[in-house]
N, C-alpha and C. Protein backbone atom coordinates (compact mmCIF):
# COMPACT_ATOMS: atom_id res chain seq x y z
N UNK A 1 -12.49 5.92 -26.24
CA UNK A 1 -12.64 6.23 -24.83
C UNK A 1 -11.51 5.54 -24.07
N UNK A 2 -10.84 6.28 -23.18
CA UNK A 2 -9.80 5.70 -22.36
C UNK A 2 -10.35 5.44 -20.96
N UNK A 3 -9.91 4.35 -20.41
CA UNK A 3 -10.39 3.97 -19.08
C UNK A 3 -9.41 4.36 -18.01
N UNK A 4 -9.94 4.62 -16.83
CA UNK A 4 -9.08 4.90 -15.68
C UNK A 4 -8.43 3.60 -15.24
N UNK A 5 -7.34 3.73 -14.57
CA UNK A 5 -6.64 2.58 -14.02
C UNK A 5 -6.50 2.83 -12.53
N UNK A 6 -6.96 1.89 -11.71
CA UNK A 6 -6.87 2.03 -10.25
C UNK A 6 -5.81 1.09 -9.71
N UNK A 7 -4.92 1.67 -8.92
CA UNK A 7 -3.84 0.92 -8.30
C UNK A 7 -3.98 1.09 -6.80
N UNK A 8 -3.95 -0.04 -6.09
CA UNK A 8 -4.03 -0.01 -4.63
C UNK A 8 -2.70 -0.48 -4.06
N UNK A 9 -2.12 0.35 -3.21
CA UNK A 9 -0.91 -0.02 -2.50
C UNK A 9 -1.27 -0.46 -1.10
N UNK A 10 -0.58 -1.49 -0.59
CA UNK A 10 -0.83 -1.96 0.77
C UNK A 10 0.51 -2.17 1.48
N UNK A 11 0.62 -1.53 2.65
CA UNK A 11 1.77 -1.68 3.53
C UNK A 11 1.32 -2.55 4.70
N UNK A 12 1.65 -3.86 4.68
CA UNK A 12 1.09 -4.77 5.67
C UNK A 12 1.69 -4.62 7.06
N UNK A 13 0.84 -4.85 8.04
CA UNK A 13 1.29 -4.84 9.43
C UNK A 13 0.18 -5.30 10.34
N UNK A 14 0.54 -5.83 11.49
CA UNK A 14 -0.48 -6.25 12.45
C UNK A 14 -0.91 -5.09 13.34
N UNK A 15 -0.01 -4.13 13.58
CA UNK A 15 -0.39 -2.94 14.34
C UNK A 15 -1.18 -1.99 13.45
N UNK A 16 -0.72 -1.83 12.21
CA UNK A 16 -1.40 -0.97 11.24
C UNK A 16 -1.07 -1.45 9.84
N UNK A 17 -2.11 -1.65 9.04
CA UNK A 17 -1.95 -1.98 7.63
C UNK A 17 -2.39 -0.75 6.85
N UNK A 18 -1.43 -0.09 6.23
CA UNK A 18 -1.75 1.09 5.44
C UNK A 18 -2.24 0.70 4.06
N UNK A 19 -3.16 1.50 3.52
CA UNK A 19 -3.65 1.25 2.17
C UNK A 19 -3.89 2.59 1.47
N UNK A 20 -3.81 2.56 0.15
CA UNK A 20 -4.09 3.74 -0.64
C UNK A 20 -4.49 3.34 -2.04
N UNK A 21 -5.58 3.92 -2.52
CA UNK A 21 -6.06 3.65 -3.87
C UNK A 21 -5.88 4.93 -4.67
N UNK A 22 -5.17 4.81 -5.79
CA UNK A 22 -4.88 5.95 -6.65
C UNK A 22 -5.44 5.65 -8.04
N UNK A 23 -6.06 6.65 -8.63
CA UNK A 23 -6.63 6.48 -9.97
C UNK A 23 -5.82 7.30 -10.96
N UNK A 24 -5.54 6.66 -12.09
CA UNK A 24 -4.78 7.28 -13.17
C UNK A 24 -5.66 7.43 -14.39
N UNK A 25 -5.67 8.63 -14.94
CA UNK A 25 -6.30 8.90 -16.22
C UNK A 25 -5.22 9.44 -17.14
N UNK A 26 -5.25 9.11 -18.40
CA UNK A 26 -4.24 9.65 -19.31
C UNK A 26 -4.24 11.18 -19.27
N UNK A 27 -3.06 11.73 -19.26
CA UNK A 27 -2.87 13.18 -19.34
C UNK A 27 -3.44 13.94 -18.15
N UNK A 28 -3.55 13.28 -17.00
CA UNK A 28 -4.07 13.95 -15.81
C UNK A 28 -3.24 13.53 -14.61
N UNK A 29 -3.25 14.39 -13.61
CA UNK A 29 -2.54 14.09 -12.36
C UNK A 29 -3.26 12.95 -11.64
N UNK A 30 -2.52 11.99 -11.09
CA UNK A 30 -3.16 10.91 -10.33
C UNK A 30 -3.99 11.48 -9.18
N UNK A 31 -5.08 10.81 -8.89
CA UNK A 31 -5.98 11.24 -7.82
C UNK A 31 -6.07 10.17 -6.74
N UNK A 32 -6.01 10.60 -5.50
CA UNK A 32 -6.23 9.68 -4.39
C UNK A 32 -7.72 9.43 -4.28
N UNK A 33 -8.11 8.18 -4.35
CA UNK A 33 -9.51 7.81 -4.24
C UNK A 33 -9.85 7.51 -2.79
N UNK A 34 -8.98 6.77 -2.12
CA UNK A 34 -9.18 6.45 -0.71
C UNK A 34 -7.83 6.06 -0.13
N UNK A 35 -7.61 6.44 1.11
CA UNK A 35 -6.37 6.06 1.79
C UNK A 35 -6.62 6.05 3.30
N UNK A 36 -5.89 5.21 3.97
CA UNK A 36 -6.04 5.13 5.42
C UNK A 36 -5.25 3.97 5.97
N UNK A 37 -5.59 3.60 7.19
CA UNK A 37 -4.92 2.44 7.76
C UNK A 37 -5.91 1.65 8.61
N UNK A 38 -5.69 0.35 8.60
CA UNK A 38 -6.50 -0.58 9.37
C UNK A 38 -5.71 -0.86 10.64
N UNK A 39 -6.28 -0.54 11.78
CA UNK A 39 -5.54 -0.66 13.04
C UNK A 39 -6.30 -1.53 14.04
N UNK A 40 -5.98 -2.82 14.03
CA UNK A 40 -6.61 -3.71 15.01
C UNK A 40 -6.25 -3.29 16.44
N UNK A 41 -7.07 -3.68 17.37
CA UNK A 41 -6.80 -3.38 18.78
C UNK A 41 -5.50 -4.06 19.20
N UNK A 42 -4.68 -3.35 19.96
CA UNK A 42 -3.37 -3.87 20.36
C UNK A 42 -3.50 -5.16 21.16
N UNK A 43 -4.52 -5.28 21.97
CA UNK A 43 -4.67 -6.46 22.82
C UNK A 43 -5.46 -7.59 22.16
N UNK A 44 -5.87 -7.39 20.91
CA UNK A 44 -6.62 -8.43 20.20
C UNK A 44 -5.70 -9.62 19.93
N UNK A 45 -6.30 -10.79 19.82
CA UNK A 45 -5.51 -11.98 19.48
C UNK A 45 -5.05 -11.88 18.03
N UNK A 46 -4.08 -12.71 17.67
CA UNK A 46 -3.60 -12.73 16.30
C UNK A 46 -4.75 -13.00 15.34
N UNK A 47 -5.59 -13.96 15.66
CA UNK A 47 -6.71 -14.30 14.79
C UNK A 47 -7.66 -13.12 14.63
N UNK A 48 -7.93 -12.39 15.71
CA UNK A 48 -8.82 -11.22 15.63
C UNK A 48 -8.22 -10.11 14.77
N UNK A 49 -6.91 -9.91 14.90
CA UNK A 49 -6.24 -8.89 14.08
C UNK A 49 -6.34 -9.25 12.60
N UNK A 50 -6.08 -10.50 12.29
CA UNK A 50 -6.13 -10.95 10.89
C UNK A 50 -7.55 -10.86 10.34
N UNK A 51 -8.53 -11.18 11.17
CA UNK A 51 -9.93 -11.09 10.75
C UNK A 51 -10.31 -9.65 10.44
N UNK A 52 -9.82 -8.71 11.26
CA UNK A 52 -10.12 -7.29 11.01
C UNK A 52 -9.49 -6.84 9.70
N UNK A 53 -8.24 -7.22 9.46
CA UNK A 53 -7.57 -6.87 8.20
C UNK A 53 -8.35 -7.46 7.03
N UNK A 54 -8.73 -8.71 7.14
CA UNK A 54 -9.48 -9.39 6.06
C UNK A 54 -10.80 -8.66 5.78
N UNK A 55 -11.56 -8.38 6.81
CA UNK A 55 -12.85 -7.73 6.63
C UNK A 55 -12.75 -6.35 6.01
N UNK A 56 -11.83 -5.54 6.53
CA UNK A 56 -11.69 -4.18 6.00
C UNK A 56 -11.18 -4.17 4.56
N UNK A 57 -10.19 -5.01 4.27
CA UNK A 57 -9.67 -5.04 2.89
C UNK A 57 -10.72 -5.57 1.92
N UNK A 58 -11.49 -6.54 2.34
CA UNK A 58 -12.57 -7.05 1.49
C UNK A 58 -13.53 -5.92 1.15
N UNK A 59 -13.91 -5.15 2.15
CA UNK A 59 -14.82 -4.02 1.94
C UNK A 59 -14.21 -2.97 1.01
N UNK A 60 -12.96 -2.62 1.24
CA UNK A 60 -12.30 -1.59 0.42
C UNK A 60 -12.20 -2.06 -1.04
N UNK A 61 -11.78 -3.29 -1.25
CA UNK A 61 -11.65 -3.80 -2.62
C UNK A 61 -13.02 -3.89 -3.28
N UNK A 62 -14.05 -4.29 -2.55
CA UNK A 62 -15.40 -4.33 -3.12
C UNK A 62 -15.86 -2.94 -3.56
N UNK A 63 -15.55 -1.92 -2.76
CA UNK A 63 -15.99 -0.55 -3.09
C UNK A 63 -15.14 0.09 -4.17
N UNK A 64 -13.83 -0.08 -4.09
CA UNK A 64 -12.92 0.67 -4.96
C UNK A 64 -12.53 -0.07 -6.23
N UNK A 65 -12.65 -1.36 -6.24
CA UNK A 65 -12.38 -2.18 -7.43
C UNK A 65 -11.04 -1.86 -8.10
N UNK A 66 -9.93 -2.03 -7.36
CA UNK A 66 -8.62 -1.77 -7.98
C UNK A 66 -8.33 -2.76 -9.09
N UNK A 67 -7.58 -2.32 -10.08
CA UNK A 67 -7.14 -3.19 -11.17
C UNK A 67 -5.98 -4.07 -10.73
N UNK A 68 -5.20 -3.55 -9.78
CA UNK A 68 -4.02 -4.26 -9.31
C UNK A 68 -3.72 -3.82 -7.88
N UNK A 69 -3.15 -4.71 -7.09
CA UNK A 69 -2.71 -4.39 -5.73
C UNK A 69 -1.19 -4.54 -5.70
N UNK A 70 -0.54 -3.52 -5.17
CA UNK A 70 0.91 -3.54 -5.00
C UNK A 70 1.18 -3.73 -3.52
N UNK A 71 1.83 -4.82 -3.20
CA UNK A 71 2.09 -5.21 -1.82
C UNK A 71 3.57 -5.05 -1.52
N UNK A 72 3.85 -4.47 -0.35
CA UNK A 72 5.25 -4.32 0.03
C UNK A 72 5.89 -5.69 0.22
N UNK A 73 7.03 -5.89 -0.43
CA UNK A 73 7.76 -7.15 -0.34
C UNK A 73 8.20 -7.40 1.10
N UNK A 74 8.22 -8.65 1.46
CA UNK A 74 8.64 -9.04 2.80
C UNK A 74 10.13 -8.75 2.97
N UNK A 75 10.44 -8.10 4.06
CA UNK A 75 11.82 -7.75 4.37
C UNK A 75 12.17 -8.42 5.68
N UNK A 76 13.31 -9.05 5.73
CA UNK A 76 13.74 -9.70 6.96
C UNK A 76 15.16 -9.25 7.30
N UNK A 77 15.35 -8.87 8.52
CA UNK A 77 16.66 -8.45 9.00
C UNK A 77 17.13 -9.47 10.02
N UNK A 78 18.39 -9.83 9.96
CA UNK A 78 18.90 -10.86 10.87
C UNK A 78 18.73 -10.51 12.34
N UNK A 79 18.67 -9.24 12.66
CA UNK A 79 18.51 -8.81 14.06
C UNK A 79 17.07 -8.96 14.54
N UNK A 80 16.12 -9.08 13.60
CA UNK A 80 14.70 -9.18 13.96
C UNK A 80 14.02 -10.29 13.16
N UNK A 81 14.40 -11.55 13.40
CA UNK A 81 13.85 -12.64 12.58
C UNK A 81 12.35 -12.85 12.76
N UNK A 82 11.81 -12.52 13.91
CA UNK A 82 10.38 -12.73 14.15
C UNK A 82 9.52 -11.76 13.35
N UNK A 83 10.07 -10.61 12.97
CA UNK A 83 9.30 -9.63 12.21
C UNK A 83 8.78 -10.24 10.92
N UNK A 84 9.62 -10.96 10.22
CA UNK A 84 9.21 -11.57 8.95
C UNK A 84 8.11 -12.59 9.18
N UNK A 85 8.22 -13.38 10.24
CA UNK A 85 7.21 -14.39 10.53
C UNK A 85 5.86 -13.73 10.84
N UNK A 86 5.89 -12.69 11.65
CA UNK A 86 4.65 -11.99 12.02
C UNK A 86 4.06 -11.30 10.80
N UNK A 87 4.89 -10.65 10.01
CA UNK A 87 4.41 -9.95 8.81
C UNK A 87 3.82 -10.93 7.80
N UNK A 88 4.35 -12.13 7.77
CA UNK A 88 3.85 -13.14 6.85
C UNK A 88 2.37 -13.43 7.07
N UNK A 89 1.91 -13.35 8.30
CA UNK A 89 0.50 -13.57 8.60
C UNK A 89 -0.36 -12.51 7.90
N UNK A 90 0.00 -11.25 8.08
CA UNK A 90 -0.77 -10.16 7.46
C UNK A 90 -0.71 -10.25 5.95
N UNK A 91 0.46 -10.53 5.41
CA UNK A 91 0.61 -10.64 3.96
C UNK A 91 -0.23 -11.80 3.41
N UNK A 92 -0.29 -12.90 4.15
CA UNK A 92 -1.09 -14.03 3.71
C UNK A 92 -2.57 -13.67 3.61
N UNK A 93 -3.07 -12.94 4.59
CA UNK A 93 -4.47 -12.51 4.57
C UNK A 93 -4.71 -11.57 3.39
N UNK A 94 -3.79 -10.67 3.15
CA UNK A 94 -3.93 -9.72 2.03
C UNK A 94 -3.97 -10.49 0.70
N UNK A 95 -3.07 -11.44 0.54
CA UNK A 95 -3.06 -12.24 -0.69
C UNK A 95 -4.34 -13.06 -0.83
N UNK A 96 -4.86 -13.56 0.28
CA UNK A 96 -6.11 -14.32 0.26
C UNK A 96 -7.27 -13.45 -0.21
N UNK A 97 -7.40 -12.25 0.34
CA UNK A 97 -8.47 -11.34 -0.07
C UNK A 97 -8.37 -11.04 -1.56
N UNK A 98 -7.16 -10.75 -2.03
CA UNK A 98 -6.98 -10.44 -3.45
C UNK A 98 -7.34 -11.64 -4.33
N UNK A 99 -6.98 -12.85 -3.89
CA UNK A 99 -7.33 -14.04 -4.66
C UNK A 99 -8.85 -14.23 -4.67
N UNK A 100 -9.49 -14.00 -3.53
CA UNK A 100 -10.94 -14.14 -3.47
C UNK A 100 -11.64 -13.14 -4.38
N UNK A 101 -11.05 -11.98 -4.55
CA UNK A 101 -11.65 -10.92 -5.36
C UNK A 101 -11.08 -10.86 -6.78
N UNK A 102 -10.22 -11.82 -7.11
CA UNK A 102 -9.61 -11.91 -8.45
C UNK A 102 -8.88 -10.63 -8.84
N UNK A 103 -8.11 -10.08 -7.88
CA UNK A 103 -7.31 -8.89 -8.14
C UNK A 103 -5.84 -9.33 -8.16
N UNK A 104 -5.14 -8.96 -9.22
CA UNK A 104 -3.72 -9.31 -9.35
C UNK A 104 -2.91 -8.62 -8.25
N UNK A 105 -1.94 -9.36 -7.71
CA UNK A 105 -1.04 -8.83 -6.69
C UNK A 105 0.38 -8.83 -7.25
N UNK A 106 1.06 -7.70 -7.10
CA UNK A 106 2.48 -7.63 -7.42
C UNK A 106 3.20 -7.18 -6.16
N UNK A 107 4.43 -7.60 -6.03
CA UNK A 107 5.23 -7.22 -4.87
C UNK A 107 6.36 -6.30 -5.30
N UNK A 108 6.60 -5.29 -4.51
CA UNK A 108 7.71 -4.37 -4.78
C UNK A 108 8.45 -4.09 -3.49
N UNK A 109 9.74 -3.91 -3.59
CA UNK A 109 10.54 -3.61 -2.41
C UNK A 109 10.43 -2.12 -2.09
N UNK A 110 10.44 -1.79 -0.80
CA UNK A 110 10.38 -0.38 -0.41
C UNK A 110 11.50 0.45 -1.04
N UNK A 111 12.70 -0.13 -1.13
CA UNK A 111 13.83 0.62 -1.72
C UNK A 111 13.56 0.97 -3.18
N UNK A 112 13.03 0.02 -3.92
CA UNK A 112 12.76 0.27 -5.35
C UNK A 112 11.68 1.35 -5.51
N UNK A 113 10.66 1.30 -4.69
CA UNK A 113 9.59 2.29 -4.74
C UNK A 113 10.12 3.66 -4.36
N UNK A 114 10.88 3.73 -3.29
CA UNK A 114 11.43 5.03 -2.85
C UNK A 114 12.36 5.63 -3.90
N UNK A 115 13.13 4.77 -4.56
CA UNK A 115 14.00 5.26 -5.63
C UNK A 115 13.17 5.80 -6.79
N UNK A 116 12.09 5.10 -7.13
CA UNK A 116 11.24 5.55 -8.24
C UNK A 116 10.57 6.90 -7.91
N UNK A 117 10.22 7.11 -6.66
CA UNK A 117 9.53 8.35 -6.28
C UNK A 117 10.47 9.51 -6.00
N UNK A 118 11.52 9.22 -5.25
CA UNK A 118 12.36 10.33 -4.77
C UNK A 118 13.76 10.34 -5.36
N UNK A 119 14.09 9.26 -6.08
CA UNK A 119 15.45 9.17 -6.62
C UNK A 119 16.43 8.61 -5.60
N UNK A 120 15.95 8.31 -4.39
CA UNK A 120 16.81 7.81 -3.32
C UNK A 120 16.16 6.58 -2.69
N UNK A 121 16.71 5.42 -2.95
CA UNK A 121 16.17 4.18 -2.39
C UNK A 121 16.28 4.10 -0.89
N UNK A 122 17.15 4.93 -0.30
CA UNK A 122 17.32 4.94 1.14
C UNK A 122 16.58 6.09 1.82
N UNK A 123 15.65 6.70 1.11
CA UNK A 123 14.87 7.79 1.71
C UNK A 123 14.15 7.27 2.95
N UNK A 124 14.04 8.12 3.95
CA UNK A 124 13.35 7.72 5.18
C UNK A 124 11.84 7.68 4.95
N UNK A 125 11.13 7.10 5.90
CA UNK A 125 9.67 7.09 5.82
C UNK A 125 9.11 8.51 5.81
N UNK A 126 9.72 9.39 6.58
CA UNK A 126 9.27 10.78 6.63
C UNK A 126 9.52 11.50 5.31
N UNK A 127 10.68 11.26 4.69
CA UNK A 127 10.96 11.85 3.39
C UNK A 127 9.98 11.32 2.34
N UNK A 128 9.69 10.04 2.41
CA UNK A 128 8.72 9.44 1.48
C UNK A 128 7.35 10.07 1.66
N UNK A 129 6.96 10.28 2.92
CA UNK A 129 5.66 10.91 3.19
C UNK A 129 5.59 12.30 2.56
N UNK A 130 6.67 13.07 2.67
CA UNK A 130 6.68 14.42 2.07
C UNK A 130 6.55 14.37 0.56
N UNK A 131 7.26 13.43 -0.08
CA UNK A 131 7.19 13.31 -1.55
C UNK A 131 5.78 12.91 -1.97
N UNK A 132 5.20 11.93 -1.30
CA UNK A 132 3.84 11.47 -1.62
C UNK A 132 2.84 12.61 -1.43
N UNK A 133 2.93 13.29 -0.30
CA UNK A 133 2.00 14.38 -0.01
C UNK A 133 2.12 15.49 -1.04
N UNK A 134 3.34 15.82 -1.43
CA UNK A 134 3.55 16.87 -2.43
C UNK A 134 2.98 16.44 -3.78
N UNK A 135 3.25 15.22 -4.18
CA UNK A 135 2.80 14.73 -5.47
C UNK A 135 1.28 14.68 -5.56
N UNK A 136 0.64 14.23 -4.47
CA UNK A 136 -0.82 14.09 -4.47
C UNK A 136 -1.55 15.32 -3.93
N UNK A 137 -0.78 16.35 -3.56
CA UNK A 137 -1.37 17.59 -3.03
C UNK A 137 -2.20 17.32 -1.78
N UNK A 138 -1.59 16.58 -0.84
CA UNK A 138 -2.22 16.24 0.43
C UNK A 138 -1.36 16.86 1.54
N UNK A 139 -1.99 17.31 2.60
CA UNK A 139 -1.27 17.80 3.77
C UNK A 139 -0.54 16.62 4.40
N UNK A 140 0.81 16.66 4.50
CA UNK A 140 1.55 15.52 5.06
C UNK A 140 1.12 15.18 6.48
N UNK A 141 0.64 16.16 7.23
CA UNK A 141 0.22 15.90 8.61
C UNK A 141 -1.00 14.98 8.66
N UNK A 142 -1.72 14.87 7.54
CA UNK A 142 -2.91 14.02 7.50
C UNK A 142 -2.59 12.58 7.09
N UNK A 143 -1.33 12.30 6.81
CA UNK A 143 -0.92 10.96 6.38
C UNK A 143 -0.13 10.27 7.48
N UNK A 144 -0.58 9.09 7.90
CA UNK A 144 0.27 8.28 8.77
C UNK A 144 1.40 7.72 7.91
N UNK A 145 2.44 7.24 8.54
CA UNK A 145 3.55 6.67 7.79
C UNK A 145 3.11 5.41 7.04
N UNK A 146 2.21 4.64 7.63
CA UNK A 146 1.71 3.43 6.96
C UNK A 146 0.90 3.79 5.72
N UNK A 147 0.07 4.82 5.84
CA UNK A 147 -0.74 5.26 4.71
C UNK A 147 0.13 5.84 3.60
N UNK A 148 1.11 6.65 3.97
CA UNK A 148 1.97 7.24 2.93
C UNK A 148 2.82 6.16 2.26
N UNK A 149 3.24 5.15 3.01
CA UNK A 149 3.99 4.04 2.39
C UNK A 149 3.11 3.30 1.39
N UNK A 150 1.83 3.10 1.73
CA UNK A 150 0.91 2.42 0.81
C UNK A 150 0.68 3.26 -0.44
N UNK A 151 0.48 4.56 -0.28
CA UNK A 151 0.31 5.44 -1.44
C UNK A 151 1.59 5.47 -2.28
N UNK A 152 2.74 5.43 -1.61
CA UNK A 152 4.02 5.39 -2.34
C UNK A 152 4.11 4.14 -3.19
N UNK A 153 3.64 3.00 -2.67
CA UNK A 153 3.65 1.76 -3.45
C UNK A 153 2.81 1.92 -4.72
N UNK A 154 1.61 2.49 -4.57
CA UNK A 154 0.72 2.68 -5.72
C UNK A 154 1.34 3.65 -6.73
N UNK A 155 1.86 4.76 -6.25
CA UNK A 155 2.45 5.76 -7.14
C UNK A 155 3.73 5.25 -7.81
N UNK A 156 4.61 4.67 -7.01
CA UNK A 156 5.89 4.21 -7.53
C UNK A 156 5.73 3.10 -8.55
N UNK A 157 4.87 2.15 -8.27
CA UNK A 157 4.65 1.06 -9.21
C UNK A 157 4.06 1.58 -10.51
N UNK A 158 3.04 2.41 -10.38
CA UNK A 158 2.40 2.95 -11.59
C UNK A 158 3.40 3.74 -12.43
N UNK A 159 4.25 4.51 -11.78
CA UNK A 159 5.26 5.27 -12.51
C UNK A 159 6.28 4.36 -13.18
N UNK A 160 6.64 3.28 -12.50
CA UNK A 160 7.63 2.36 -13.06
C UNK A 160 7.09 1.64 -14.29
N UNK A 161 5.81 1.34 -14.30
CA UNK A 161 5.29 0.63 -15.47
C UNK A 161 4.63 1.58 -16.48
N UNK A 162 4.80 2.85 -16.23
CA UNK A 162 4.42 3.89 -17.18
C UNK A 162 2.93 4.07 -17.35
N UNK A 163 2.16 3.92 -16.25
CA UNK A 163 0.74 4.25 -16.32
C UNK A 163 0.60 5.74 -16.67
N UNK A 164 1.60 6.50 -16.27
CA UNK A 164 1.48 7.96 -16.42
C UNK A 164 1.79 8.43 -17.83
N UNK A 165 2.22 7.56 -18.68
CA UNK A 165 2.63 7.99 -20.02
C UNK A 165 1.58 7.61 -21.04
């Protein structure tokens, strides 16, 4: 008997944290189990936003029981140094939830994932959404960019480590 493998991708953010759980069975097309985004209220305090991310991810991991979580690697650009600091808060909460639930976390860069999926590490978020939607047979209009990025993390990582073979 072969077991399914569940991979959860997470695109961290304080405005929206995208997530996607994909299940792999040998010799079958990957299936989306659940996908969406966690969107704290814009006027909520930092602590309230982090609490919402923590609560929702805890619930999703409890229900979906992923084997592994693929988290987007922290990216920092010299023109926007505060972005990395702010993103670090969301990433810390995500890592905490995974540690509490004993789920392994791996980090992948968006460029590496986009290259694995589309052959182009510089593909735009919109191009990535189209590739993800086509691969998973989902209407691209139903995917936010955060959700498609999370699904791309799950798909790209699984493809790179040969879950599909």
